[in-house]
Amino acid sequence: LFALLRNNEGDATIRTYHFEREECEWYI
């Protein structure tokens, strides 16, 4: 999940969130 987080001033940060499927099997 690649996210762009903006604030009210228009500045932004970019973040990459990585998930392996084997870590998510319970939720699946």
mmCIF file of all heavy atoms, coordinates in Angstrom:
data_MODEL
# 
_entry.id   MODEL 
# 
loop_
_atom_site.group_PDB 
_atom_site.id 
_atom_site.type_symbol 
_atom_site.label_atom_id 
_atom_site.label_alt_id 
_atom_site.label_comp_id 
_atom_site.label_asym_id 
_atom_site.label_entity_id 
_atom_site.label_seq_id 
_atom_site.pdbx_PDB_ins_code 
_atom_site.Cartn_x 
_atom_site.Cartn_y 
_atom_site.Cartn_z 
_atom_site.occupancy 
_atom_site.B_iso_or_equiv 
_atom_site.pdbx_formal_charge 
_atom_site.auth_seq_id 
_atom_site.auth_comp_id 
_atom_site.auth_asym_id 
_atom_site.auth_atom_id 
_atom_site.pdbx_PDB_model_num 
ATOM 1   N N   . LEU A 1 1  ? 0.861   -1.176  0.000  1.00 0.00 ? 1  LEU A N   1 
ATOM 2   C CA  . LEU A 1 1  ? 0.000   0.000   0.000  1.00 0.00 ? 1  LEU A CA  1 
ATOM 3   C C   . LEU A 1 1  ? 0.896   1.224   0.000  1.00 0.00 ? 1  LEU A C   1 
ATOM 4   O O   . LEU A 1 1  ? 1.707   1.408   0.898  1.00 0.00 ? 1  LEU A O   1 
ATOM 5   C CB  . LEU A 1 1  ? -0.946  0.013   1.201  1.00 0.00 ? 1  LEU A CB  1 
ATOM 6   C CG  . LEU A 1 1  ? -2.031  1.098   1.103  1.00 0.00 ? 1  LEU A CG  1 
ATOM 7   C CD1 . LEU A 1 1  ? -3.371  0.573   1.601  1.00 0.00 ? 1  LEU A CD1 1 
ATOM 8   C CD2 . LEU A 1 1  ? -1.657  2.342   1.901  1.00 0.00 ? 1  LEU A CD2 1 
ATOM 9   N N   . PHE A 1 2  ? 0.764   2.042   -1.025 1.00 0.00 ? 2  PHE A N   1 
ATOM 10  C CA  . PHE A 1 2  ? 1.608   3.221   -1.241 1.00 0.00 ? 2  PHE A CA  1 
ATOM 11  C C   . PHE A 1 2  ? 0.757   4.441   -0.923 1.00 0.00 ? 2  PHE A C   1 
ATOM 12  O O   . PHE A 1 2  ? -0.256  4.690   -1.575 1.00 0.00 ? 2  PHE A O   1 
ATOM 13  C CB  . PHE A 1 2  ? 2.058   3.228   -2.698 1.00 0.00 ? 2  PHE A CB  1 
ATOM 14  C CG  . PHE A 1 2  ? 3.234   4.107   -2.999 1.00 0.00 ? 2  PHE A CG  1 
ATOM 15  C CD1 . PHE A 1 2  ? 4.411   4.027   -2.270 1.00 0.00 ? 2  PHE A CD1 1 
ATOM 16  C CD2 . PHE A 1 2  ? 3.176   4.999   -4.055 1.00 0.00 ? 2  PHE A CD2 1 
ATOM 17  C CE1 . PHE A 1 2  ? 5.499   4.820   -2.578 1.00 0.00 ? 2  PHE A CE1 1 
ATOM 18  C CE2 . PHE A 1 2  ? 4.267   5.793   -4.376 1.00 0.00 ? 2  PHE A CE2 1 
ATOM 19  C CZ  . PHE A 1 2  ? 5.426   5.708   -3.630 1.00 0.00 ? 2  PHE A CZ  1 
ATOM 20  N N   . ALA A 1 3  ? 1.145   5.189   0.109  1.00 0.00 ? 3  ALA A N   1 
ATOM 21  C CA  . ALA A 1 3  ? 0.280   6.254   0.616  1.00 0.00 ? 3  ALA A CA  1 
ATOM 22  C C   . ALA A 1 3  ? 0.933   7.628   0.536  1.00 0.00 ? 3  ALA A C   1 
ATOM 23  O O   . ALA A 1 3  ? 2.124   7.777   0.825  1.00 0.00 ? 3  ALA A O   1 
ATOM 24  C CB  . ALA A 1 3  ? -0.111  5.956   2.067  1.00 0.00 ? 3  ALA A CB  1 
ATOM 25  N N   . LEU A 1 4  ? 0.130   8.611   0.150  1.00 0.00 ? 4  LEU A N   1 
ATOM 26  C CA  . LEU A 1 4  ? 0.534   10.007  0.183  1.00 0.00 ? 4  LEU A CA  1 
ATOM 27  C C   . LEU A 1 4  ? -0.292  10.691  1.263  1.00 0.00 ? 4  LEU A C   1 
ATOM 28  O O   . LEU A 1 4  ? -1.522  10.747  1.164  1.00 0.00 ? 4  LEU A O   1 
ATOM 29  C CB  . LEU A 1 4  ? 0.318   10.668  -1.176 1.00 0.00 ? 4  LEU A CB  1 
ATOM 30  C CG  . LEU A 1 4  ? 0.763   12.136  -1.316 1.00 0.00 ? 4  LEU A CG  1 
ATOM 31  C CD1 . LEU A 1 4  ? 1.211   12.415  -2.740 1.00 0.00 ? 4  LEU A CD1 1 
ATOM 32  C CD2 . LEU A 1 4  ? -0.384  13.095  -0.960 1.00 0.00 ? 4  LEU A CD2 1 
ATOM 33  N N   . LEU A 1 5  ? 0.389   11.179  2.305  1.00 0.00 ? 5  LEU A N   1 
ATOM 34  C CA  . LEU A 1 5  ? -0.289  11.824  3.426  1.00 0.00 ? 5  LEU A CA  1 
ATOM 35  C C   . LEU A 1 5  ? -0.061  13.329  3.345  1.00 0.00 ? 5  LEU A C   1 
ATOM 36  O O   . LEU A 1 5  ? 1.075   13.803  3.454  1.00 0.00 ? 5  LEU A O   1 
ATOM 37  C CB  . LEU A 1 5  ? 0.244   11.288  4.760  1.00 0.00 ? 5  LEU A CB  1 
ATOM 38  C CG  . LEU A 1 5  ? 0.350   9.764   4.905  1.00 0.00 ? 5  LEU A CG  1 
ATOM 39  C CD1 . LEU A 1 5  ? 0.858   9.400   6.301  1.00 0.00 ? 5  LEU A CD1 1 
ATOM 40  C CD2 . LEU A 1 5  ? -0.977  9.087   4.628  1.00 0.00 ? 5  LEU A CD2 1 
ATOM 41  N N   . ARG A 1 6  ? -1.144  14.093  3.148  1.00 0.00 ? 6  ARG A N   1 
ATOM 42  C CA  . ARG A 1 6  ? -1.043  15.553  3.019  1.00 0.00 ? 6  ARG A CA  1 
ATOM 43  C C   . ARG A 1 6  ? -1.495  16.235  4.297  1.00 0.00 ? 6  ARG A C   1 
ATOM 44  O O   . ARG A 1 6  ? -2.351  15.729  5.022  1.00 0.00 ? 6  ARG A O   1 
ATOM 45  C CB  . ARG A 1 6  ? -1.918  16.043  1.869  1.00 0.00 ? 6  ARG A CB  1 
ATOM 46  C CG  . ARG A 1 6  ? -1.512  15.594  0.494  1.00 0.00 ? 6  ARG A CG  1 
ATOM 47  C CD  . ARG A 1 6  ? -2.288  16.380  -0.555 1.00 0.00 ? 6  ARG A CD  1 
ATOM 48  N NE  . ARG A 1 6  ? -3.733  16.154  -0.466 1.00 0.00 ? 6  ARG A NE  1 
ATOM 49  C CZ  . ARG A 1 6  ? -4.648  16.927  -1.038 1.00 0.00 ? 6  ARG A CZ  1 
ATOM 50  N NH1 . ARG A 1 6  ? -4.278  18.006  -1.720 1.00 0.00 ? 6  ARG A NH1 1 
ATOM 51  N NH2 . ARG A 1 6  ? -5.942  16.649  -0.936 1.00 0.00 ? 6  ARG A NH2 1 
ATOM 52  N N   . ASN A 1 7  ? -0.939  17.435  4.553  1.00 0.00 ? 7  ASN A N   1 
ATOM 53  C CA  . ASN A 1 7  ? -1.453  18.259  5.644  1.00 0.00 ? 7  ASN A CA  1 
ATOM 54  C C   . ASN A 1 7  ? -2.163  19.475  5.056  1.00 0.00 ? 7  ASN A C   1 
ATOM 55  O O   . ASN A 1 7  ? -2.253  19.637  3.832  1.00 0.00 ? 7  ASN A O   1 
ATOM 56  C CB  . ASN A 1 7  ? -0.331  18.664  6.610  1.00 0.00 ? 7  ASN A CB  1 
ATOM 57  C CG  . ASN A 1 7  ? 0.758   19.497  5.927  1.00 0.00 ? 7  ASN A CG  1 
ATOM 58  O OD1 . ASN A 1 7  ? 0.518   20.137  4.901  1.00 0.00 ? 7  ASN A OD1 1 
ATOM 59  N ND2 . ASN A 1 7  ? 1.959   19.487  6.490  1.00 0.00 ? 7  ASN A ND2 1 
ATOM 60  N N   . ASN A 1 8  ? -2.662  20.342  5.915  1.00 0.00 ? 8  ASN A N   1 
ATOM 61  C CA  . ASN A 1 8  ? -3.430  21.509  5.457  1.00 0.00 ? 8  ASN A CA  1 
ATOM 62  C C   . ASN A 1 8  ? -2.600  22.513  4.675  1.00 0.00 ? 8  ASN A C   1 
ATOM 63  O O   . ASN A 1 8  ? -3.130  23.328  3.923  1.00 0.00 ? 8  ASN A O   1 
ATOM 64  C CB  . ASN A 1 8  ? -4.086  22.211  6.651  1.00 0.00 ? 8  ASN A CB  1 
ATOM 65  C CG  . ASN A 1 8  ? -5.399  21.559  7.041  1.00 0.00 ? 8  ASN A CG  1 
ATOM 66  O OD1 . ASN A 1 8  ? -5.991  20.841  6.244  1.00 0.00 ? 8  ASN A OD1 1 
ATOM 67  N ND2 . ASN A 1 8  ? -5.842  21.790  8.265  1.00 0.00 ? 8  ASN A ND2 1 
ATOM 68  N N   . GLU A 1 9  ? -1.278  22.488  4.894  1.00 0.00 ? 9  GLU A N   1 
ATOM 69  C CA  . GLU A 1 9  ? -0.396  23.434  4.207  1.00 0.00 ? 9  GLU A CA  1 
ATOM 70  C C   . GLU A 1 9  ? -0.013  22.948  2.806  1.00 0.00 ? 9  GLU A C   1 
ATOM 71  O O   . GLU A 1 9  ? 0.670   23.653  2.064  1.00 0.00 ? 9  GLU A O   1 
ATOM 72  C CB  . GLU A 1 9  ? 0.876   23.666  5.024  1.00 0.00 ? 9  GLU A CB  1 
ATOM 73  C CG  . GLU A 1 9  ? 0.681   24.532  6.274  1.00 0.00 ? 9  GLU A CG  1 
ATOM 74  C CD  . GLU A 1 9  ? -0.093  23.818  7.361  1.00 0.00 ? 9  GLU A CD  1 
ATOM 75  O OE1 . GLU A 1 9  ? 0.207   22.629  7.618  1.00 0.00 ? 9  GLU A OE1 1 
ATOM 76  O OE2 . GLU A 1 9  ? -1.012  24.436  7.940  1.00 0.00 ? 9  GLU A OE2 1 
ATOM 77  N N   . GLY A 1 10 ? -0.426  21.720  2.471  1.00 0.00 ? 10 GLY A N   1 
ATOM 78  C CA  . GLY A 1 10 ? -0.097  21.195  1.151  1.00 0.00 ? 10 GLY A CA  1 
ATOM 79  C C   . GLY A 1 10 ? 1.169   20.364  1.125  1.00 0.00 ? 10 GLY A C   1 
ATOM 80  O O   . GLY A 1 10 ? 1.534   19.819  0.081  1.00 0.00 ? 10 GLY A O   1 
ATOM 81  N N   . ASP A 1 11 ? 1.892   20.282  2.272  1.00 0.00 ? 11 ASP A N   1 
ATOM 82  C CA  . ASP A 1 11 ? 3.061   19.417  2.340  1.00 0.00 ? 11 ASP A CA  1 
ATOM 83  C C   . ASP A 1 11 ? 2.603   17.964  2.420  1.00 0.00 ? 11 ASP A C   1 
ATOM 84  O O   . ASP A 1 11 ? 1.488   17.671  2.859  1.00 0.00 ? 11 ASP A O   1 
ATOM 85  C CB  . ASP A 1 11 ? 3.910   19.754  3.565  1.00 0.00 ? 11 ASP A CB  1 
ATOM 86  C CG  . ASP A 1 11 ? 4.477   21.168  3.505  1.00 0.00 ? 11 ASP A CG  1 
ATOM 87  O OD1 . ASP A 1 11 ? 4.796   21.612  2.383  1.00 0.00 ? 11 ASP A OD1 1 
ATOM 88  O OD2 . ASP A 1 11 ? 4.572   21.817  4.560  1.00 0.00 ? 11 ASP A OD2 1 
ATOM 89  N N   . ALA A 1 12 ? 3.480   17.046  2.025  1.00 0.00 ? 12 ALA A N   1 
ATOM 90  C CA  . ALA A 1 12 ? 3.073   15.643  1.999  1.00 0.00 ? 12 ALA A CA  1 
ATOM 91  C C   . ALA A 1 12 ? 4.258   14.725  2.278  1.00 0.00 ? 12 ALA A C   1 
ATOM 92  O O   . ALA A 1 12 ? 5.412   15.091  2.054  1.00 0.00 ? 12 ALA A O   1 
ATOM 93  C CB  . ALA A 1 12 ? 2.453   15.303  0.653  1.00 0.00 ? 12 ALA A CB  1 
ATOM 94  N N   . THR A 1 13 ? 3.951   13.546  2.779  1.00 0.00 ? 13 THR A N   1 
ATOM 95  C CA  . THR A 1 13 ? 4.942   12.488  2.940  1.00 0.00 ? 13 THR A CA  1 
ATOM 96  C C   . THR A 1 13 ? 4.451   11.258  2.182  1.00 0.00 ? 13 THR A C   1 
ATOM 97  O O   . THR A 1 13 ? 3.252   11.041  2.032  1.00 0.00 ? 13 THR A O   1 
ATOM 98  C CB  . THR A 1 13 ? 5.151   12.120  4.421  1.00 0.00 ? 13 THR A CB  1 
ATOM 99  O OG1 . THR A 1 13 ? 3.893   11.685  4.987  1.00 0.00 ? 13 THR A OG1 1 
ATOM 100 C CG2 . THR A 1 13 ? 5.668   13.300  5.210  1.00 0.00 ? 13 THR A CG2 1 
ATOM 101 N N   . ILE A 1 14 ? 5.401   10.463  1.703  1.00 0.00 ? 14 ILE A N   1 
ATOM 102 C CA  . ILE A 1 14 ? 5.098   9.239   0.969  1.00 0.00 ? 14 ILE A CA  1 
ATOM 103 C C   . ILE A 1 14 ? 5.556   8.053   1.811  1.00 0.00 ? 14 ILE A C   1 
ATOM 104 O O   . ILE A 1 14 ? 6.668   8.048   2.346  1.00 0.00 ? 14 ILE A O   1 
ATOM 105 C CB  . ILE A 1 14 ? 5.827   9.200   -0.386 1.00 0.00 ? 14 ILE A CB  1 
ATOM 106 C CG1 . ILE A 1 14 ? 5.335   10.320  -1.303 1.00 0.00 ? 14 ILE A CG1 1 
ATOM 107 C CG2 . ILE A 1 14 ? 5.655   7.842   -1.053 1.00 0.00 ? 14 ILE A CG2 1 
ATOM 108 C CD1 . ILE A 1 14 ? 3.961   10.078  -1.880 1.00 0.00 ? 14 ILE A CD1 1 
ATOM 109 N N   . ARG A 1 15 ? 4.680   7.065   1.941  1.00 0.00 ? 15 ARG A N   1 
ATOM 110 C CA  . ARG A 1 15 ? 5.026   5.882   2.723  1.00 0.00 ? 15 ARG A CA  1 
ATOM 111 C C   . ARG A 1 15 ? 4.649   4.611   1.973  1.00 0.00 ? 15 ARG A C   1 
ATOM 112 O O   . ARG A 1 15 ? 3.622   4.564   1.301  1.00 0.00 ? 15 ARG A O   1 
ATOM 113 C CB  . ARG A 1 15 ? 4.321   5.912   4.085  1.00 0.00 ? 15 ARG A CB  1 
ATOM 114 C CG  . ARG A 1 15 ? 4.679   7.121   4.932  1.00 0.00 ? 15 ARG A CG  1 
ATOM 115 C CD  . ARG A 1 15 ? 3.999   7.068   6.284  1.00 0.00 ? 15 ARG A CD  1 
ATOM 116 N NE  . ARG A 1 15 ? 4.271   8.279   7.068  1.00 0.00 ? 15 ARG A NE  1 
ATOM 117 C CZ  . ARG A 1 15 ? 3.791   8.499   8.292  1.00 0.00 ? 15 ARG A CZ  1 
ATOM 118 N NH1 . ARG A 1 15 ? 3.026   7.575   8.870  1.00 0.00 ? 15 ARG A NH1 1 
ATOM 119 N NH2 . ARG A 1 15 ? 4.078   9.615   8.931  1.00 0.00 ? 15 ARG A NH2 1 
ATOM 120 N N   . THR A 1 16 ? 5.489   3.593   2.112  1.00 0.00 ? 16 THR A N   1 
ATOM 121 C CA  . THR A 1 16 ? 5.206   2.267   1.564  1.00 0.00 ? 16 THR A CA  1 
ATOM 122 C C   . THR A 1 16 ? 4.957   1.308   2.712  1.00 0.00 ? 16 THR A C   1 
ATOM 123 O O   . THR A 1 16 ? 5.797   1.180   3.609  1.00 0.00 ? 16 THR A O   1 
ATOM 124 C CB  . THR A 1 16 ? 6.379   1.746   0.703  1.00 0.00 ? 16 THR A CB  1 
ATOM 125 O OG1 . THR A 1 16 ? 6.646   2.653   -0.368 1.00 0.00 ? 16 THR A OG1 1 
ATOM 126 C CG2 . THR A 1 16 ? 6.044   0.383   0.111  1.00 0.00 ? 16 THR A CG2 1 
ATOM 127 N N   . TYR A 1 17 ? 3.824   0.637   2.690  1.00 0.00 ? 17 TYR A N   1 
ATOM 128 C CA  . TYR A 1 17 ? 3.480   -0.355  3.704  1.00 0.00 ? 17 TYR A CA  1 
ATOM 129 C C   . TYR A 1 17 ? 3.432   -1.723  3.021  1.00 0.00 ? 17 TYR A C   1 
ATOM 130 O O   . TYR A 1 17 ? 2.643   -1.931  2.095  1.00 0.00 ? 17 TYR A O   1 
ATOM 131 C CB  . TYR A 1 17 ? 2.132   -0.046  4.340  1.00 0.00 ? 17 TYR A CB  1 
ATOM 132 C CG  . TYR A 1 17 ? 2.072   1.287   5.056  1.00 0.00 ? 17 TYR A CG  1 
ATOM 133 C CD1 . TYR A 1 17 ? 1.779   2.460   4.355  1.00 0.00 ? 17 TYR A CD1 1 
ATOM 134 C CD2 . TYR A 1 17 ? 2.301   1.384   6.421  1.00 0.00 ? 17 TYR A CD2 1 
ATOM 135 C CE1 . TYR A 1 17 ? 1.717   3.687   5.000  1.00 0.00 ? 17 TYR A CE1 1 
ATOM 136 C CE2 . TYR A 1 17 ? 2.238   2.604   7.086  1.00 0.00 ? 17 TYR A CE2 1 
ATOM 137 C CZ  . TYR A 1 17 ? 1.949   3.752   6.360  1.00 0.00 ? 17 TYR A CZ  1 
ATOM 138 O OH  . TYR A 1 17 ? 1.890   4.975   7.008  1.00 0.00 ? 17 TYR A OH  1 
ATOM 139 N N   . HIS A 1 18 ? 4.270   -2.642  3.483  1.00 0.00 ? 18 HIS A N   1 
ATOM 140 C CA  . HIS A 1 18 ? 4.389   -3.958  2.849  1.00 0.00 ? 18 HIS A CA  1 
ATOM 141 C C   . HIS A 1 18 ? 3.797   -5.024  3.763  1.00 0.00 ? 18 HIS A C   1 
ATOM 142 O O   . HIS A 1 18 ? 4.071   -5.059  4.968  1.00 0.00 ? 18 HIS A O   1 
ATOM 143 C CB  . HIS A 1 18 ? 5.862   -4.279  2.567  1.00 0.00 ? 18 HIS A CB  1 
ATOM 144 C CG  . HIS A 1 18 ? 6.064   -5.627  1.942  1.00 0.00 ? 18 HIS A CG  1 
ATOM 145 N ND1 . HIS A 1 18 ? 5.945   -5.836  0.590  1.00 0.00 ? 18 HIS A ND1 1 
ATOM 146 C CD2 . HIS A 1 18 ? 6.364   -6.837  2.497  1.00 0.00 ? 18 HIS A CD2 1 
ATOM 147 C CE1 . HIS A 1 18 ? 6.170   -7.117  0.330  1.00 0.00 ? 18 HIS A CE1 1 
ATOM 148 N NE2 . HIS A 1 18 ? 6.425   -7.750  1.469  1.00 0.00 ? 18 HIS A NE2 1 
ATOM 149 N N   . PHE A 1 19 ? 2.982   -5.911  3.175  1.00 0.00 ? 19 PHE A N   1 
ATOM 150 C CA  . PHE A 1 19 ? 2.366   -7.001  3.927  1.00 0.00 ? 19 PHE A CA  1 
ATOM 151 C C   . PHE A 1 19 ? 2.587   -8.317  3.190  1.00 0.00 ? 19 PHE A C   1 
ATOM 152 O O   . PHE A 1 19 ? 2.288   -8.412  1.993  1.00 0.00 ? 19 PHE A O   1 
ATOM 153 C CB  . PHE A 1 19 ? 0.862   -6.769  4.097  1.00 0.00 ? 19 PHE A CB  1 
ATOM 154 C CG  . PHE A 1 19 ? 0.507   -5.521  4.843  1.00 0.00 ? 19 PHE A CG  1 
ATOM 155 C CD1 . PHE A 1 19 ? 0.343   -4.312  4.173  1.00 0.00 ? 19 PHE A CD1 1 
ATOM 156 C CD2 . PHE A 1 19 ? 0.355   -5.532  6.226  1.00 0.00 ? 19 PHE A CD2 1 
ATOM 157 C CE1 . PHE A 1 19 ? 0.010   -3.148  4.853  1.00 0.00 ? 19 PHE A CE1 1 
ATOM 158 C CE2 . PHE A 1 19 ? 0.031   -4.375  6.921  1.00 0.00 ? 19 PHE A CE2 1 
ATOM 159 C CZ  . PHE A 1 19 ? -0.133  -3.183  6.238  1.00 0.00 ? 19 PHE A CZ  1 
ATOM 160 N N   . GLU A 1 20 ? 3.115   -9.309  3.888  1.00 0.00 ? 20 GLU A N   1 
ATOM 161 C CA  . GLU A 1 20 ? 3.224   -10.652 3.338  1.00 0.00 ? 20 GLU A CA  1 
ATOM 162 C C   . GLU A 1 20 ? 1.916   -11.388 3.586  1.00 0.00 ? 20 GLU A C   1 
ATOM 163 O O   . GLU A 1 20 ? 1.326   -11.289 4.653  1.00 0.00 ? 20 GLU A O   1 
ATOM 164 C CB  . GLU A 1 20 ? 4.383   -11.407 3.986  1.00 0.00 ? 20 GLU A CB  1 
ATOM 165 C CG  . GLU A 1 20 ? 5.762   -10.915 3.567  1.00 0.00 ? 20 GLU A CG  1 
ATOM 166 C CD  . GLU A 1 20 ? 6.089   -11.286 2.121  1.00 0.00 ? 20 GLU A CD  1 
ATOM 167 O OE1 . GLU A 1 20 ? 5.600   -12.331 1.633  1.00 0.00 ? 20 GLU A OE1 1 
ATOM 168 O OE2 . GLU A 1 20 ? 6.846   -10.513 1.481  1.00 0.00 ? 20 GLU A OE2 1 
ATOM 169 N N   . ARG A 1 21 ? 1.475   -12.153 2.610  1.00 0.00 ? 21 ARG A N   1 
ATOM 170 C CA  . ARG A 1 21 ? 0.179   -12.834 2.736  1.00 0.00 ? 21 ARG A CA  1 
ATOM 171 C C   . ARG A 1 21 ? 0.158   -13.776 3.935  1.00 0.00 ? 21 ARG A C   1 
ATOM 172 O O   . ARG A 1 21 ? -0.861  -13.872 4.631  1.00 0.00 ? 21 ARG A O   1 
ATOM 173 C CB  . ARG A 1 21 ? -0.147  -13.601 1.457  1.00 0.00 ? 21 ARG A CB  1 
ATOM 174 C CG  . ARG A 1 21 ? -1.422  -14.421 1.617  1.00 0.00 ? 21 ARG A CG  1 
ATOM 175 C CD  . ARG A 1 21 ? -1.992  -14.895 0.325  1.00 0.00 ? 21 ARG A CD  1 
ATOM 176 N NE  . ARG A 1 21 ? -3.165  -15.736 0.546  1.00 0.00 ? 21 ARG A NE  1 
ATOM 177 C CZ  . ARG A 1 21 ? -4.086  -15.985 -0.361 1.00 0.00 ? 21 ARG A CZ  1 
ATOM 178 N NH1 . ARG A 1 21 ? -3.976  -15.456 -1.562 1.00 0.00 ? 21 ARG A NH1 1 
ATOM 179 N NH2 . ARG A 1 21 ? -5.110  -16.766 -0.086 1.00 0.00 ? 21 ARG A NH2 1 
ATOM 180 N N   . GLU A 1 22 ? 1.246   -14.475 4.182  1.00 0.00 ? 22 GLU A N   1 
ATOM 181 C CA  . GLU A 1 22 ? 1.255   -15.437 5.283  1.00 0.00 ? 22 GLU A CA  1 
ATOM 182 C C   . GLU A 1 22 ? 1.010   -14.764 6.630  1.00 0.00 ? 22 GLU A C   1 
ATOM 183 O O   . GLU A 1 22 ? 0.541   -15.405 7.570  1.00 0.00 ? 22 GLU A O   1 
ATOM 184 C CB  . GLU A 1 22 ? 2.581   -16.200 5.317  1.00 0.00 ? 22 GLU A CB  1 
ATOM 185 C CG  . GLU A 1 22 ? 3.803   -15.339 5.527  1.00 0.00 ? 22 GLU A CG  1 
ATOM 186 C CD  . GLU A 1 22 ? 5.092   -16.124 5.450  1.00 0.00 ? 22 GLU A CD  1 
ATOM 187 O OE1 . GLU A 1 22 ? 5.064   -17.258 4.944  1.00 0.00 ? 22 GLU A OE1 1 
ATOM 188 O OE2 . GLU A 1 22 ? 6.128   -15.595 5.899  1.00 0.00 ? 22 GLU A OE2 1 
ATOM 189 N N   . GLU A 1 23 ? 1.304   -13.470 6.720  1.00 0.00 ? 23 GLU A N   1 
ATOM 190 C CA  . GLU A 1 23 ? 1.037   -12.727 7.950  1.00 0.00 ? 23 GLU A CA  1 
ATOM 191 C C   . GLU A 1 23 ? -0.437  -12.309 8.061  1.00 0.00 ? 23 GLU A C   1 
ATOM 192 O O   . GLU A 1 23 ? -0.875  -11.873 9.129  1.00 0.00 ? 23 GLU A O   1 
ATOM 193 C CB  . GLU A 1 23 ? 1.910   -11.467 7.996  1.00 0.00 ? 23 GLU A CB  1 
ATOM 194 C CG  . GLU A 1 23 ? 3.400   -11.740 7.924  1.00 0.00 ? 23 GLU A CG  1 
ATOM 195 C CD  . GLU A 1 23 ? 4.221   -10.471 7.703  1.00 0.00 ? 23 GLU A CD  1 
ATOM 196 O OE1 . GLU A 1 23 ? 3.618   -9.434  7.340  1.00 0.00 ? 23 GLU A OE1 1 
ATOM 197 O OE2 . GLU A 1 23 ? 5.445   -10.531 7.892  1.00 0.00 ? 23 GLU A OE2 1 
ATOM 198 N N   . CYS A 1 24 ? -1.170  -12.452 6.969  1.00 0.00 ? 24 CYS A N   1 
ATOM 199 C CA  . CYS A 1 24 ? -2.549  -11.941 6.910  1.00 0.00 ? 24 CYS A CA  1 
ATOM 200 C C   . CYS A 1 24 ? -3.589  -13.056 6.828  1.00 0.00 ? 24 CYS A C   1 
ATOM 201 O O   . CYS A 1 24 ? -4.782  -12.769 6.691  1.00 0.00 ? 24 CYS A O   1 
ATOM 202 C CB  . CYS A 1 24 ? -2.701  -11.036 5.687  1.00 0.00 ? 24 CYS A CB  1 
ATOM 203 S SG  . CYS A 1 24 ? -1.531  -9.659  5.607  1.00 0.00 ? 24 CYS A SG  1 
ATOM 204 N N   . GLU A 1 25 ? -3.168  -14.319 6.908  1.00 0.00 ? 25 GLU A N   1 
ATOM 205 C CA  . GLU A 1 25 ? -4.086  -15.424 6.668  1.00 0.00 ? 25 GLU A CA  1 
ATOM 206 C C   . GLU A 1 25 ? -5.265  -15.438 7.636  1.00 0.00 ? 25 GLU A C   1 
ATOM 207 O O   . GLU A 1 25 ? -6.387  -15.780 7.255  1.00 0.00 ? 25 GLU A O   1 
ATOM 208 C CB  . GLU A 1 25 ? -3.341  -16.766 6.719  1.00 0.00 ? 25 GLU A CB  1 
ATOM 209 C CG  . GLU A 1 25 ? -2.464  -17.024 5.507  1.00 0.00 ? 25 GLU A CG  1 
ATOM 210 C CD  . GLU A 1 25 ? -3.240  -17.164 4.202  1.00 0.00 ? 25 GLU A CD  1 
ATOM 211 O OE1 . GLU A 1 25 ? -4.479  -17.286 4.240  1.00 0.00 ? 25 GLU A OE1 1 
ATOM 212 O OE2 . GLU A 1 25 ? -2.602  -17.137 3.138  1.00 0.00 ? 25 GLU A OE2 1 
ATOM 213 N N   . TRP A 1 26 ? -5.044  -15.074 8.903  1.00 0.00 ? 26 TRP A N   1 
ATOM 214 C CA  . TRP A 1 26 ? -6.146  -15.068 9.863  1.00 0.00 ? 26 TRP A CA  1 
ATOM 215 C C   . TRP A 1 26 ? -7.223  -14.083 9.426  1.00 0.00 ? 26 TRP A C   1 
ATOM 216 O O   . TRP A 1 26 ? -8.420  -14.380 9.479  1.00 0.00 ? 26 TRP A O   1 
ATOM 217 C CB  . TRP A 1 26 ? -5.641  -14.703 11.258 1.00 0.00 ? 26 TRP A CB  1 
ATOM 218 C CG  . TRP A 1 26 ? -6.689  -14.848 12.324 1.00 0.00 ? 26 TRP A CG  1 
ATOM 219 C CD1 . TRP A 1 26 ? -6.948  -15.952 13.075 1.00 0.00 ? 26 TRP A CD1 1 
ATOM 220 C CD2 . TRP A 1 26 ? -7.642  -13.841 12.739 1.00 0.00 ? 26 TRP A CD2 1 
ATOM 221 N NE1 . TRP A 1 26 ? -8.002  -15.704 13.939 1.00 0.00 ? 26 TRP A NE1 1 
ATOM 222 C CE2 . TRP A 1 26 ? -8.448  -14.427 13.762 1.00 0.00 ? 26 TRP A CE2 1 
ATOM 223 C CE3 . TRP A 1 26 ? -7.893  -12.527 12.363 1.00 0.00 ? 26 TRP A CE3 1 
ATOM 224 C CZ2 . TRP A 1 26 ? -9.476  -13.729 14.398 1.00 0.00 ? 26 TRP A CZ2 1 
ATOM 225 C CZ3 . TRP A 1 26 ? -8.924  -11.831 12.993 1.00 0.00 ? 26 TRP A CZ3 1 
ATOM 226 C CH2 . TRP A 1 26 ? -9.697  -12.433 13.989 1.00 0.00 ? 26 TRP A CH2 1 
ATOM 227 N N   . TYR A 1 27 ? -6.794  -12.916 8.968  1.00 0.00 ? 27 TYR A N   1 
ATOM 228 C CA  . TYR A 1 27 ? -7.742  -11.893 8.529  1.00 0.00 ? 27 TYR A CA  1 
ATOM 229 C C   . TYR A 1 27 ? -8.430  -12.314 7.232  1.00 0.00 ? 27 TYR A C   1 
ATOM 230 O O   . TYR A 1 27 ? -9.607  -12.017 7.020  1.00 0.00 ? 27 TYR A O   1 
ATOM 231 C CB  . TYR A 1 27 ? -7.015  -10.562 8.339  1.00 0.00 ? 27 TYR A CB  1 
ATOM 232 C CG  . TYR A 1 27 ? -6.367  -10.062 9.598  1.00 0.00 ? 27 TYR A CG  1 
ATOM 233 C CD1 . TYR A 1 27 ? -5.016  -10.302 9.848  1.00 0.00 ? 27 TYR A CD1 1 
ATOM 234 C CD2 . TYR A 1 27 ? -7.092  -9.366  10.559 1.00 0.00 ? 27 TYR A CD2 1 
ATOM 235 C CE1 . TYR A 1 27 ? -4.409  -9.857  11.017 1.00 0.00 ? 27 TYR A CE1 1 
ATOM 236 C CE2 . TYR A 1 27 ? -6.500  -8.915  11.731 1.00 0.00 ? 27 TYR A CE2 1 
ATOM 237 C CZ  . TYR A 1 27 ? -5.162  -9.175  11.947 1.00 0.00 ? 27 TYR A CZ  1 
ATOM 238 O OH  . TYR A 1 27 ? -4.576  -8.741  13.102 1.00 0.00 ? 27 TYR A OH  1 
ATOM 239 N N   . ILE A 1 28 ? -7.702  -13.005 6.370  1.00 0.00 ? 28 ILE A N   1 
ATOM 240 C CA  . ILE A 1 28 ? -8.286  -13.479 5.111  1.00 0.00 ? 28 ILE A CA  1 
ATOM 241 C C   . ILE A 1 28 ? -9.375  -14.504 5.386  1.00 0.00 ? 28 ILE A C   1 
ATOM 242 O O   . ILE A 1 28 ? -10.443 -14.477 4.755  1.00 0.00 ? 28 ILE A O   1 
ATOM 243 C CB  . ILE A 1 28 ? -7.187  -14.053 4.196  1.00 0.00 ? 28 ILE A CB  1 
ATOM 244 C CG1 . ILE A 1 28 ? -6.306  -12.904 3.664  1.00 0.00 ? 28 ILE A CG1 1 
ATOM 245 C CG2 . ILE A 1 28 ? -7.786  -14.845 3.044  1.00 0.00 ? 28 ILE A CG2 1 
ATOM 246 C CD1 . ILE A 1 28 ? -5.111  -13.354 2.855  1.00 0.00 ? 28 ILE A CD1 1 
# 
